[in-house]
Amino acid sequence: ALGVANAAKTAGLPCVISFTVETDGHLPTGQSLAEAITELDRE
């Protein structure tokens, strides 16, 4: 997701990031939505 955001920024395009989650509300990697969004906003 961070790679897509970086590529969009370089191209001068606004972007939206849409995550998918498992039945436990976490990304398939086990990361929480809160952690993923906070990480991307920080980076």
ModelCIF file with pLDDT and N, C-alpha, C, O atoms, coordinates in Angstrom:
data_MODEL
#
_entry.id   MODEL 
#
_entity.id                         1 
_entity.type                       polymer 
_entity.pdbx_number_of_molecules   1 
#
_entity_poly.entity_id                      1 
_entity_poly.type                           'polypeptide(L)' 
_entity_poly.nstd_linkage                   no 
_entity_poly.nstd_monomer                   no 
_entity_poly.pdbx_seq_one_letter_code       ALGVANAAKTAGLPCVISFTVETDGHLPTGQSLAEAITELDRE 
_entity_poly.pdbx_seq_one_letter_code_can   ALGVANAAKTAGLPCVISFTVETDGHLPTGQSLAEAITELDRE 
_entity_poly.pdbx_strand_id                 A 
#
loop_
_entity_poly_seq.entity_id 
_entity_poly_seq.num 
_entity_poly_seq.mon_id 
_entity_poly_seq.hetero 
1 1  ALA n 
1 2  LEU n 
1 3  GLY n 
1 4  VAL n 
1 5  ALA n 
1 6  ASN n 
1 7  ALA n 
1 8  ALA n 
1 9  LYS n 
1 10 THR n 
1 11 ALA n 
1 12 GLY n 
1 13 LEU n 
1 14 PRO n 
1 15 CYS n 
1 16 VAL n 
1 17 ILE n 
1 18 SER n 
1 19 PHE n 
1 20 THR n 
1 21 VAL n 
1 22 GLU n 
1 23 THR n 
1 24 ASP n 
1 25 GLY n 
1 26 HIS n 
1 27 LEU n 
1 28 PRO n 
1 29 THR n 
1 30 GLY n 
1 31 GLN n 
1 32 SER n 
1 33 LEU n 
1 34 ALA n 
1 35 GLU n 
1 36 ALA n 
1 37 ILE n 
1 38 THR n 
1 39 GLU n 
1 40 LEU n 
1 41 ASP n 
1 42 ARG n 
1 43 GLU n 
#
_struct_asym.id          A 
_struct_asym.entity_id   1 
#
loop_
_ma_qa_metric.id 
_ma_qa_metric.mode 
_ma_qa_metric.name 
_ma_qa_metric.software_group_id 
_ma_qa_metric.type 
1 global pLDDT . pLDDT 
2 local  pLDDT . pLDDT 
#
_ma_qa_metric_global.metric_id      1 
_ma_qa_metric_global.metric_value   96.28 
_ma_qa_metric_global.model_id       1 
_ma_qa_metric_global.ordinal_id     1 
#
loop_
_ma_qa_metric_local.label_asym_id 
_ma_qa_metric_local.label_comp_id 
_ma_qa_metric_local.label_seq_id 
_ma_qa_metric_local.metric_id 
_ma_qa_metric_local.metric_value 
_ma_qa_metric_local.model_id 
_ma_qa_metric_local.ordinal_id 
A ALA 1  2 98.00 1 1  
A LEU 2  2 98.00 1 2  
A GLY 3  2 98.00 1 3  
A VAL 4  2 98.00 1 4  
A ALA 5  2 98.00 1 5  
A ASN 6  2 98.00 1 6  
A ALA 7  2 98.00 1 7  
A ALA 8  2 98.00 1 8  
A LYS 9  2 98.00 1 9  
A THR 10 2 98.00 1 10 
A ALA 11 2 98.00 1 11 
A GLY 12 2 97.00 1 12 
A LEU 13 2 98.00 1 13 
A PRO 14 2 98.00 1 14 
A CYS 15 2 98.00 1 15 
A VAL 16 2 98.00 1 16 
A ILE 17 2 98.00 1 17 
A SER 18 2 98.00 1 18 
A PHE 19 2 97.00 1 19 
A THR 20 2 96.00 1 20 
A VAL 21 2 95.00 1 21 
A GLU 22 2 94.00 1 22 
A THR 23 2 91.00 1 23 
A ASP 24 2 92.00 1 24 
A GLY 25 2 91.00 1 25 
A HIS 26 2 93.00 1 26 
A LEU 27 2 95.00 1 27 
A PRO 28 2 94.00 1 28 
A THR 29 2 95.00 1 29 
A GLY 30 2 94.00 1 30 
A GLN 31 2 95.00 1 31 
A SER 32 2 94.00 1 32 
A LEU 33 2 94.00 1 33 
A ALA 34 2 94.00 1 34 
A GLU 35 2 96.00 1 35 
A ALA 36 2 97.00 1 36 
A ILE 37 2 97.00 1 37 
A THR 38 2 96.00 1 38 
A GLU 39 2 97.00 1 39 
A LEU 40 2 98.00 1 40 
A ASP 41 2 98.00 1 41 
A ARG 42 2 97.00 1 42 
A GLU 43 2 97.00 1 43 
#
loop_
_atom_site.group_PDB 
_atom_site.id 
_atom_site.type_symbol 
_atom_site.label_atom_id 
_atom_site.label_alt_id 
_atom_site.label_comp_id 
_atom_site.label_asym_id 
_atom_site.label_entity_id 
_atom_site.label_seq_id 
_atom_site.pdbx_PDB_ins_code 
_atom_site.Cartn_x 
_atom_site.Cartn_y 
_atom_site.Cartn_z 
_atom_site.occupancy 
_atom_site.B_iso_or_equiv 
_atom_site.pdbx_formal_charge 
_atom_site.auth_seq_id 
_atom_site.auth_comp_id 
_atom_site.auth_asym_id 
_atom_site.auth_atom_id 
_atom_site.pdbx_PDB_model_num 
ATOM 1   N N  . ALA A 1 1  ? 0.826   -1.204  0.000   1.00 98.00 ? 1  ALA A N  1 
ATOM 2   C CA . ALA A 1 1  ? 0.000   0.000   0.000   1.00 98.00 ? 1  ALA A CA 1 
ATOM 3   C C  . ALA A 1 1  ? 0.860   1.253   0.000   1.00 98.00 ? 1  ALA A C  1 
ATOM 4   O O  . ALA A 1 1  ? 0.545   2.229   -0.681  1.00 98.00 ? 1  ALA A O  1 
ATOM 5   N N  . LEU A 1 2  ? 1.937   1.226   0.759   1.00 98.00 ? 2  LEU A N  1 
ATOM 6   C CA . LEU A 1 2  ? 2.856   2.361   0.795   1.00 98.00 ? 2  LEU A CA 1 
ATOM 7   C C  . LEU A 1 2  ? 3.499   2.564   -0.564  1.00 98.00 ? 2  LEU A C  1 
ATOM 8   O O  . LEU A 1 2  ? 3.679   3.701   -1.000  1.00 98.00 ? 2  LEU A O  1 
ATOM 9   N N  . GLY A 1 3  ? 3.851   1.471   -1.245  1.00 98.00 ? 3  GLY A N  1 
ATOM 10  C CA . GLY A 1 3  ? 4.426   1.582   -2.578  1.00 98.00 ? 3  GLY A CA 1 
ATOM 11  C C  . GLY A 1 3  ? 3.480   2.232   -3.564  1.00 98.00 ? 3  GLY A C  1 
ATOM 12  O O  . GLY A 1 3  ? 3.900   3.057   -4.375  1.00 98.00 ? 3  GLY A O  1 
ATOM 13  N N  . VAL A 1 4  ? 2.196   1.868   -3.506  1.00 98.00 ? 4  VAL A N  1 
ATOM 14  C CA . VAL A 1 4  ? 1.207   2.491   -4.386  1.00 98.00 ? 4  VAL A CA 1 
ATOM 15  C C  . VAL A 1 4  ? 1.081   3.981   -4.084  1.00 98.00 ? 4  VAL A C  1 
ATOM 16  O O  . VAL A 1 4  ? 1.027   4.800   -5.001  1.00 98.00 ? 4  VAL A O  1 
ATOM 17  N N  . ALA A 1 5  ? 1.033   4.330   -2.809  1.00 98.00 ? 5  ALA A N  1 
ATOM 18  C CA . ALA A 1 5  ? 0.927   5.741   -2.428  1.00 98.00 ? 5  ALA A CA 1 
ATOM 19  C C  . ALA A 1 5  ? 2.133   6.533   -2.923  1.00 98.00 ? 5  ALA A C  1 
ATOM 20  O O  . ALA A 1 5  ? 1.984   7.652   -3.413  1.00 98.00 ? 5  ALA A O  1 
ATOM 21  N N  . ASN A 1 6  ? 3.320   5.958   -2.799  1.00 98.00 ? 6  ASN A N  1 
ATOM 22  C CA . ASN A 1 6  ? 4.523   6.635   -3.277  1.00 98.00 ? 6  ASN A CA 1 
ATOM 23  C C  . ASN A 1 6  ? 4.487   6.830   -4.787  1.00 98.00 ? 6  ASN A C  1 
ATOM 24  O O  . ASN A 1 6  ? 4.832   7.898   -5.292  1.00 98.00 ? 6  ASN A O  1 
ATOM 25  N N  . ALA A 1 7  ? 4.066   5.787   -5.505  1.00 98.00 ? 7  ALA A N  1 
ATOM 26  C CA . ALA A 1 7  ? 4.002   5.877   -6.968  1.00 98.00 ? 7  ALA A CA 1 
ATOM 27  C C  . ALA A 1 7  ? 2.964   6.903   -7.410  1.00 98.00 ? 7  ALA A C  1 
ATOM 28  O O  . ALA A 1 7  ? 3.193   7.643   -8.367  1.00 98.00 ? 7  ALA A O  1 
ATOM 29  N N  . ALA A 1 8  ? 1.830   6.952   -6.723  1.00 98.00 ? 8  ALA A N  1 
ATOM 30  C CA . ALA A 1 8  ? 0.798   7.926   -7.058  1.00 98.00 ? 8  ALA A CA 1 
ATOM 31  C C  . ALA A 1 8  ? 1.284   9.343   -6.800  1.00 98.00 ? 8  ALA A C  1 
ATOM 32  O O  . ALA A 1 8  ? 1.035   10.244  -7.601  1.00 98.00 ? 8  ALA A O  1 
ATOM 33  N N  . LYS A 1 9  ? 1.972   9.542   -5.692  1.00 98.00 ? 9  LYS A N  1 
ATOM 34  C CA . LYS A 1 9  ? 2.488   10.869  -5.371  1.00 98.00 ? 9  LYS A CA 1 
ATOM 35  C C  . LYS A 1 9  ? 3.498   11.327  -6.413  1.00 98.00 ? 9  LYS A C  1 
ATOM 36  O O  . LYS A 1 9  ? 3.477   12.486  -6.829  1.00 98.00 ? 9  LYS A O  1 
ATOM 37  N N  . THR A 1 10 ? 4.378   10.432  -6.838  1.00 98.00 ? 10 THR A N  1 
ATOM 38  C CA . THR A 1 10 ? 5.363   10.772  -7.872  1.00 98.00 ? 10 THR A CA 1 
ATOM 39  C C  . THR A 1 10 ? 4.678   11.145  -9.179  1.00 98.00 ? 10 THR A C  1 
ATOM 40  O O  . THR A 1 10 ? 5.138   12.028  -9.903  1.00 98.00 ? 10 THR A O  1 
ATOM 41  N N  . ALA A 1 11 ? 3.569   10.460  -9.475  1.00 98.00 ? 11 ALA A N  1 
ATOM 42  C CA . ALA A 1 11 ? 2.822   10.745  -10.704 1.00 98.00 ? 11 ALA A CA 1 
ATOM 43  C C  . ALA A 1 11 ? 1.932   11.977  -10.573 1.00 98.00 ? 11 ALA A C  1 
ATOM 44  O O  . ALA A 1 11 ? 1.314   12.407  -11.547 1.00 98.00 ? 11 ALA A O  1 
ATOM 45  N N  . GLY A 1 12 ? 1.868   12.540  -9.375  1.00 97.00 ? 12 GLY A N  1 
ATOM 46  C CA . GLY A 1 12 ? 1.052   13.733  -9.170  1.00 97.00 ? 12 GLY A CA 1 
ATOM 47  C C  . GLY A 1 12 ? -0.429  13.456  -9.067  1.00 97.00 ? 12 GLY A C  1 
ATOM 48  O O  . GLY A 1 12 ? -1.248  14.327  -9.359  1.00 97.00 ? 12 GLY A O  1 
ATOM 49  N N  . LEU A 1 13 ? -0.788  12.229  -8.649  1.00 98.00 ? 13 LEU A N  1 
ATOM 50  C CA . LEU A 1 13 ? -2.192  11.857  -8.546  1.00 98.00 ? 13 LEU A CA 1 
ATOM 51  C C  . LEU A 1 13 ? -2.600  11.629  -7.096  1.00 98.00 ? 13 LEU A C  1 
ATOM 52  O O  . LEU A 1 13 ? -1.857  10.999  -6.342  1.00 98.00 ? 13 LEU A O  1 
ATOM 53  N N  . PRO A 1 14 ? -3.760  12.126  -6.695  1.00 98.00 ? 14 PRO A N  1 
ATOM 54  C CA . PRO A 1 14 ? -4.286  11.774  -5.366  1.00 98.00 ? 14 PRO A CA 1 
ATOM 55  C C  . PRO A 1 14 ? -4.536  10.270  -5.303  1.00 98.00 ? 14 PRO A C  1 
ATOM 56  O O  . PRO A 1 14 ? -4.732  9.631   -6.337  1.00 98.00 ? 14 PRO A O  1 
ATOM 57  N N  . CYS A 1 15 ? -4.530  9.708   -4.111  1.00 98.00 ? 15 CYS A N  1 
ATOM 58  C CA . CYS A 1 15 ? -4.768  8.269   -4.012  1.00 98.00 ? 15 CYS A CA 1 
ATOM 59  C C  . CYS A 1 15 ? -5.637  7.922   -2.821  1.00 98.00 ? 15 CYS A C  1 
ATOM 60  O O  . CYS A 1 15 ? -5.727  8.658   -1.839  1.00 98.00 ? 15 CYS A O  1 
ATOM 61  N N  . VAL A 1 16 ? -6.270  6.772   -2.952  1.00 98.00 ? 16 VAL A N  1 
ATOM 62  C CA . VAL A 1 16 ? -7.056  6.157   -1.892  1.00 98.00 ? 16 VAL A CA 1 
ATOM 63  C C  . VAL A 1 16 ? -6.498  4.759   -1.685  1.00 98.00 ? 16 VAL A C  1 
ATOM 64  O O  . VAL A 1 16 ? -6.206  4.059   -2.655  1.00 98.00 ? 16 VAL A O  1 
ATOM 65  N N  . ILE A 1 17 ? -6.347  4.349   -0.445  1.00 98.00 ? 17 ILE A N  1 
ATOM 66  C CA . ILE A 1 17 ? -5.874  3.012   -0.126  1.00 98.00 ? 17 ILE A CA 1 
ATOM 67  C C  . ILE A 1 17 ? -7.008  2.239   0.523   1.00 98.00 ? 17 ILE A C  1 
ATOM 68  O O  . ILE A 1 17 ? -7.564  2.668   1.534   1.00 98.00 ? 17 ILE A O  1 
ATOM 69  N N  . SER A 1 18 ? -7.353  1.088   -0.066  1.00 98.00 ? 18 SER A N  1 
ATOM 70  C CA . SER A 1 18 ? -8.413  0.256   0.472   1.00 98.00 ? 18 SER A CA 1 
ATOM 71  C C  . SER A 1 18 ? -7.830  -1.079  0.924   1.00 98.00 ? 18 SER A C  1 
ATOM 72  O O  . SER A 1 18 ? -7.309  -1.848  0.115   1.00 98.00 ? 18 SER A O  1 
ATOM 73  N N  . PHE A 1 19 ? -7.923  -1.343  2.220   1.00 97.00 ? 19 PHE A N  1 
ATOM 74  C CA . PHE A 1 19 ? -7.412  -2.590  2.785   1.00 97.00 ? 19 PHE A CA 1 
ATOM 75  C C  . PHE A 1 19 ? -8.510  -3.643  2.843   1.00 97.00 ? 19 PHE A C  1 
ATOM 76  O O  . PHE A 1 19 ? -9.692  -3.320  2.961   1.00 97.00 ? 19 PHE A O  1 
ATOM 77  N N  . THR A 1 20 ? -8.105  -4.901  2.758   1.00 96.00 ? 20 THR A N  1 
ATOM 78  C CA . THR A 1 20 ? -9.010  -6.001  3.057   1.00 96.00 ? 20 THR A CA 1 
ATOM 79  C C  . THR A 1 20 ? -8.612  -6.602  4.395   1.00 96.00 ? 20 THR A C  1 
ATOM 80  O O  . THR A 1 20 ? -7.451  -6.532  4.797   1.00 96.00 ? 20 THR A O  1 
ATOM 81  N N  . VAL A 1 21 ? -9.583  -7.192  5.081   1.00 95.00 ? 21 VAL A N  1 
ATOM 82  C CA . VAL A 1 21 ? -9.312  -7.794  6.383   1.00 95.00 ? 21 VAL A CA 1 
ATOM 83  C C  . VAL A 1 21 ? -9.925  -9.187  6.451   1.00 95.00 ? 21 VAL A C  1 
ATOM 84  O O  . VAL A 1 21 ? -10.834 -9.527  5.693   1.00 95.00 ? 21 VAL A O  1 
ATOM 85  N N  . GLU A 1 22 ? -9.404  -9.977  7.377   1.00 94.00 ? 22 GLU A N  1 
ATOM 86  C CA . GLU A 1 22 ? -9.945  -11.304 7.645   1.00 94.00 ? 22 GLU A CA 1 
ATOM 87  C C  . GLU A 1 22 ? -11.100 -11.200 8.639   1.00 94.00 ? 22 GLU A C  1 
ATOM 88  O O  . GLU A 1 22 ? -11.492 -10.100 9.028   1.00 94.00 ? 22 GLU A O  1 
ATOM 89  N N  . THR A 1 23 ? -11.639 -12.342 9.046   1.00 91.00 ? 23 THR A N  1 
ATOM 90  C CA . THR A 1 23 ? -12.806 -12.332 9.932   1.00 91.00 ? 23 THR A CA 1 
ATOM 91  C C  . THR A 1 23 ? -12.496 -11.760 11.308  1.00 91.00 ? 23 THR A C  1 
ATOM 92  O O  . THR A 1 23 ? -13.410 -11.413 12.057  1.00 91.00 ? 23 THR A O  1 
ATOM 93  N N  . ASP A 1 24 ? -11.199 -11.657 11.649  1.00 92.00 ? 24 ASP A N  1 
ATOM 94  C CA . ASP A 1 24 ? -10.819 -11.066 12.937  1.00 92.00 ? 24 ASP A CA 1 
ATOM 95  C C  . ASP A 1 24 ? -10.587 -9.564  12.857  1.00 92.00 ? 24 ASP A C  1 
ATOM 96  O O  . ASP A 1 24 ? -10.172 -8.939  13.834  1.00 92.00 ? 24 ASP A O  1 
ATOM 97  N N  . GLY A 1 25 ? -10.858 -8.984  11.682  1.00 91.00 ? 25 GLY A N  1 
ATOM 98  C CA . GLY A 1 25 ? -10.703 -7.544  11.517  1.00 91.00 ? 25 GLY A CA 1 
ATOM 99  C C  . GLY A 1 25 ? -9.290  -7.089  11.237  1.00 91.00 ? 25 GLY A C  1 
ATOM 100 O O  . GLY A 1 25 ? -9.044  -5.887  11.132  1.00 91.00 ? 25 GLY A O  1 
ATOM 101 N N  . HIS A 1 26 ? -8.346  -8.023  11.111  1.00 93.00 ? 26 HIS A N  1 
ATOM 102 C CA . HIS A 1 26 ? -6.957  -7.692  10.825  1.00 93.00 ? 26 HIS A CA 1 
ATOM 103 C C  . HIS A 1 26 ? -6.617  -7.987  9.361   1.00 93.00 ? 26 HIS A C  1 
ATOM 104 O O  . HIS A 1 26 ? -7.258  -8.822  8.722   1.00 93.00 ? 26 HIS A O  1 
ATOM 105 N N  . LEU A 1 27 ? -5.611  -7.298  8.845   1.00 95.00 ? 27 LEU A N  1 
ATOM 106 C CA . LEU A 1 27 ? -5.114  -7.589  7.509   1.00 95.00 ? 27 LEU A CA 1 
ATOM 107 C C  . LEU A 1 27 ? -4.638  -9.040  7.450   1.00 95.00 ? 27 LEU A C  1 
ATOM 108 O O  . LEU A 1 27 ? -4.342  -9.622  8.493   1.00 95.00 ? 27 LEU A O  1 
ATOM 109 N N  . PRO A 1 28 ? -4.556  -9.641  6.257   1.00 94.00 ? 28 PRO A N  1 
ATOM 110 C CA . PRO A 1 28 ? -4.060  -11.017 6.153   1.00 94.00 ? 28 PRO A CA 1 
ATOM 111 C C  . PRO A 1 28 ? -2.663  -11.213 6.739   1.00 94.00 ? 28 PRO A C  1 
ATOM 112 O O  . PRO A 1 28 ? -2.292  -12.339 7.073   1.00 94.00 ? 28 PRO A O  1 
ATOM 113 N N  . THR A 1 29 ? -1.889  -10.150 6.868   1.00 95.00 ? 29 THR A N  1 
ATOM 114 C CA . THR A 1 29 ? -0.572  -10.251 7.506   1.00 95.00 ? 29 THR A CA 1 
ATOM 115 C C  . THR A 1 29 ? -0.659  -10.307 9.021   1.00 95.00 ? 29 THR A C  1 
ATOM 116 O O  . THR A 1 29 ? 0.341   -10.584 9.683   1.00 95.00 ? 29 THR A O  1 
ATOM 117 N N  . GLY A 1 30 ? -1.841  -10.049 9.589   1.00 94.00 ? 30 GLY A N  1 
ATOM 118 C CA . GLY A 1 30 ? -2.012  -10.001 11.031  1.00 94.00 ? 30 GLY A CA 1 
ATOM 119 C C  . GLY A 1 30 ? -1.979  -8.600  11.594  1.00 94.00 ? 30 GLY A C  1 
ATOM 120 O O  . GLY A 1 30 ? -2.293  -8.398  12.768  1.00 94.00 ? 30 GLY A O  1 
ATOM 121 N N  . GLN A 1 31 ? -1.602  -7.618  10.775  1.00 95.00 ? 31 GLN A N  1 
ATOM 122 C CA . GLN A 1 31 ? -1.560  -6.232  11.234  1.00 95.00 ? 31 GLN A CA 1 
ATOM 123 C C  . GLN A 1 31 ? -2.977  -5.689  11.381  1.00 95.00 ? 31 GLN A C  1 
ATOM 124 O O  . GLN A 1 31 ? -3.852  -6.023  10.583  1.00 95.00 ? 31 GLN A O  1 
ATOM 125 N N  . SER A 1 32 ? -3.209  -4.867  12.378  1.00 94.00 ? 32 SER A N  1 
ATOM 126 C CA . SER A 1 32 ? -4.528  -4.277  12.557  1.00 94.00 ? 32 SER A CA 1 
ATOM 127 C C  . SER A 1 32 ? -4.720  -3.118  11.582  1.00 94.00 ? 32 SER A C  1 
ATOM 128 O O  . SER A 1 32 ? -3.754  -2.543  11.083  1.00 94.00 ? 32 SER A O  1 
ATOM 129 N N  . LEU A 1 33 ? -5.985  -2.787  11.320  1.00 94.00 ? 33 LEU A N  1 
ATOM 130 C CA . LEU A 1 33 ? -6.290  -1.627  10.487  1.00 94.00 ? 33 LEU A CA 1 
ATOM 131 C C  . LEU A 1 33 ? -5.706  -0.359  11.084  1.00 94.00 ? 33 LEU A C  1 
ATOM 132 O O  . LEU A 1 33 ? -5.141  0.473   10.374  1.00 94.00 ? 33 LEU A O  1 
ATOM 133 N N  . ALA A 1 34 ? -5.844  -0.222  12.378  1.00 94.00 ? 34 ALA A N  1 
ATOM 134 C CA . ALA A 1 34 ? -5.318  0.962   13.053  1.00 94.00 ? 34 ALA A CA 1 
ATOM 135 C C  . ALA A 1 34 ? -3.816  1.091   12.815  1.00 94.00 ? 34 ALA A C  1 
ATOM 136 O O  . ALA A 1 34 ? -3.325  2.179   12.513  1.00 94.00 ? 34 ALA A O  1 
ATOM 137 N N  . GLU A 1 35 ? -3.090  -0.008  12.949  1.00 96.00 ? 35 GLU A N  1 
ATOM 138 C CA . GLU A 1 35 ? -1.640  0.019   12.754  1.00 96.00 ? 35 GLU A CA 1 
ATOM 139 C C  . GLU A 1 35 ? -1.275  0.325   11.309  1.00 96.00 ? 35 GLU A C  1 
ATOM 140 O O  . GLU A 1 35 ? -0.356  1.102   11.051  1.00 96.00 ? 35 GLU A O  1 
ATOM 141 N N  . ALA A 1 36 ? -1.994  -0.284  10.362  1.00 97.00 ? 36 ALA A N  1 
ATOM 142 C CA . ALA A 1 36 ? -1.684  -0.081  8.943   1.00 97.00 ? 36 ALA A CA 1 
ATOM 143 C C  . ALA A 1 36 ? -1.925  1.363   8.530   1.00 97.00 ? 36 ALA A C  1 
ATOM 144 O O  . ALA A 1 36 ? -1.083  1.965   7.863   1.00 97.00 ? 36 ALA A O  1 
ATOM 145 N N  . ILE A 1 37 ? -3.058  1.919   8.915   1.00 97.00 ? 37 ILE A N  1 
ATOM 146 C CA . ILE A 1 37 ? -3.389  3.293   8.534   1.00 97.00 ? 37 ILE A CA 1 
ATOM 147 C C  . ILE A 1 37 ? -2.448  4.279   9.212   1.00 97.00 ? 37 ILE A C  1 
ATOM 148 O O  . ILE A 1 37 ? -1.986  5.234   8.587   1.00 97.00 ? 37 ILE A O  1 
ATOM 149 N N  . THR A 1 38 ? -2.167  4.051   10.475  1.00 96.00 ? 38 THR A N  1 
ATOM 150 C CA . THR A 1 38 ? -1.241  4.932   11.192  1.00 96.00 ? 38 THR A CA 1 
ATOM 151 C C  . THR A 1 38 ? 0.146   4.891   10.569  1.00 96.00 ? 38 THR A C  1 
ATOM 152 O O  . THR A 1 38 ? 0.807   5.923   10.449  1.00 96.00 ? 38 THR A O  1 
ATOM 153 N N  . GLU A 1 39 ? 0.591   3.696   10.171  1.00 97.00 ? 39 GLU A N  1 
ATOM 154 C CA . GLU A 1 39 ? 1.906   3.556   9.535   1.00 97.00 ? 39 GLU A CA 1 
ATOM 155 C C  . GLU A 1 39 ? 1.963   4.309   8.209   1.00 97.00 ? 39 GLU A C  1 
ATOM 156 O O  . GLU A 1 39 ? 2.921   5.035   7.945   1.00 97.00 ? 39 GLU A O  1 
ATOM 157 N N  . LEU A 1 40 ? 0.929   4.132   7.369   1.00 98.00 ? 40 LEU A N  1 
ATOM 158 C CA . LEU A 1 40 ? 0.948   4.803   6.070   1.00 98.00 ? 40 LEU A CA 1 
ATOM 159 C C  . LEU A 1 40 ? 0.881   6.320   6.220   1.00 98.00 ? 40 LEU A C  1 
ATOM 160 O O  . LEU A 1 40 ? 1.582   7.046   5.514   1.00 98.00 ? 40 LEU A O  1 
ATOM 161 N N  . ASP A 1 41 ? 0.057   6.794   7.120   1.00 98.00 ? 41 ASP A N  1 
ATOM 162 C CA . ASP A 1 41 ? -0.019  8.245   7.323   1.00 98.00 ? 41 ASP A CA 1 
ATOM 163 C C  . ASP A 1 41 ? 1.314   8.798   7.821   1.00 98.00 ? 41 ASP A C  1 
ATOM 164 O O  . ASP A 1 41 ? 1.727   9.890   7.433   1.00 98.00 ? 41 ASP A O  1 
ATOM 165 N N  . ARG A 1 42 ? 1.973   8.041   8.673   1.00 97.00 ? 42 ARG A N  1 
ATOM 166 C CA . ARG A 1 42 ? 3.273   8.481   9.178   1.00 97.00 ? 42 ARG A CA 1 
ATOM 167 C C  . ARG A 1 42 ? 4.315   8.501   8.060   1.00 97.00 ? 42 ARG A C  1 
ATOM 168 O O  . ARG A 1 42 ? 5.078   9.459   7.942   1.00 97.00 ? 42 ARG A O  1 
ATOM 169 N N  . GLU A 1 43 ? 4.349   7.453   7.245   1.00 97.00 ? 43 GLU A N  1 
ATOM 170 C CA . GLU A 1 43 ? 5.374   7.328   6.215   1.00 97.00 ? 43 GLU A CA 1 
ATOM 171 C C  . GLU A 1 43 ? 5.127   8.237   5.011   1.00 97.00 ? 43 GLU A C  1 
ATOM 172 O O  . GLU A 1 43 ? 5.914   8.235   4.064   1.00 97.00 ? 43 GLU A O  1 
#
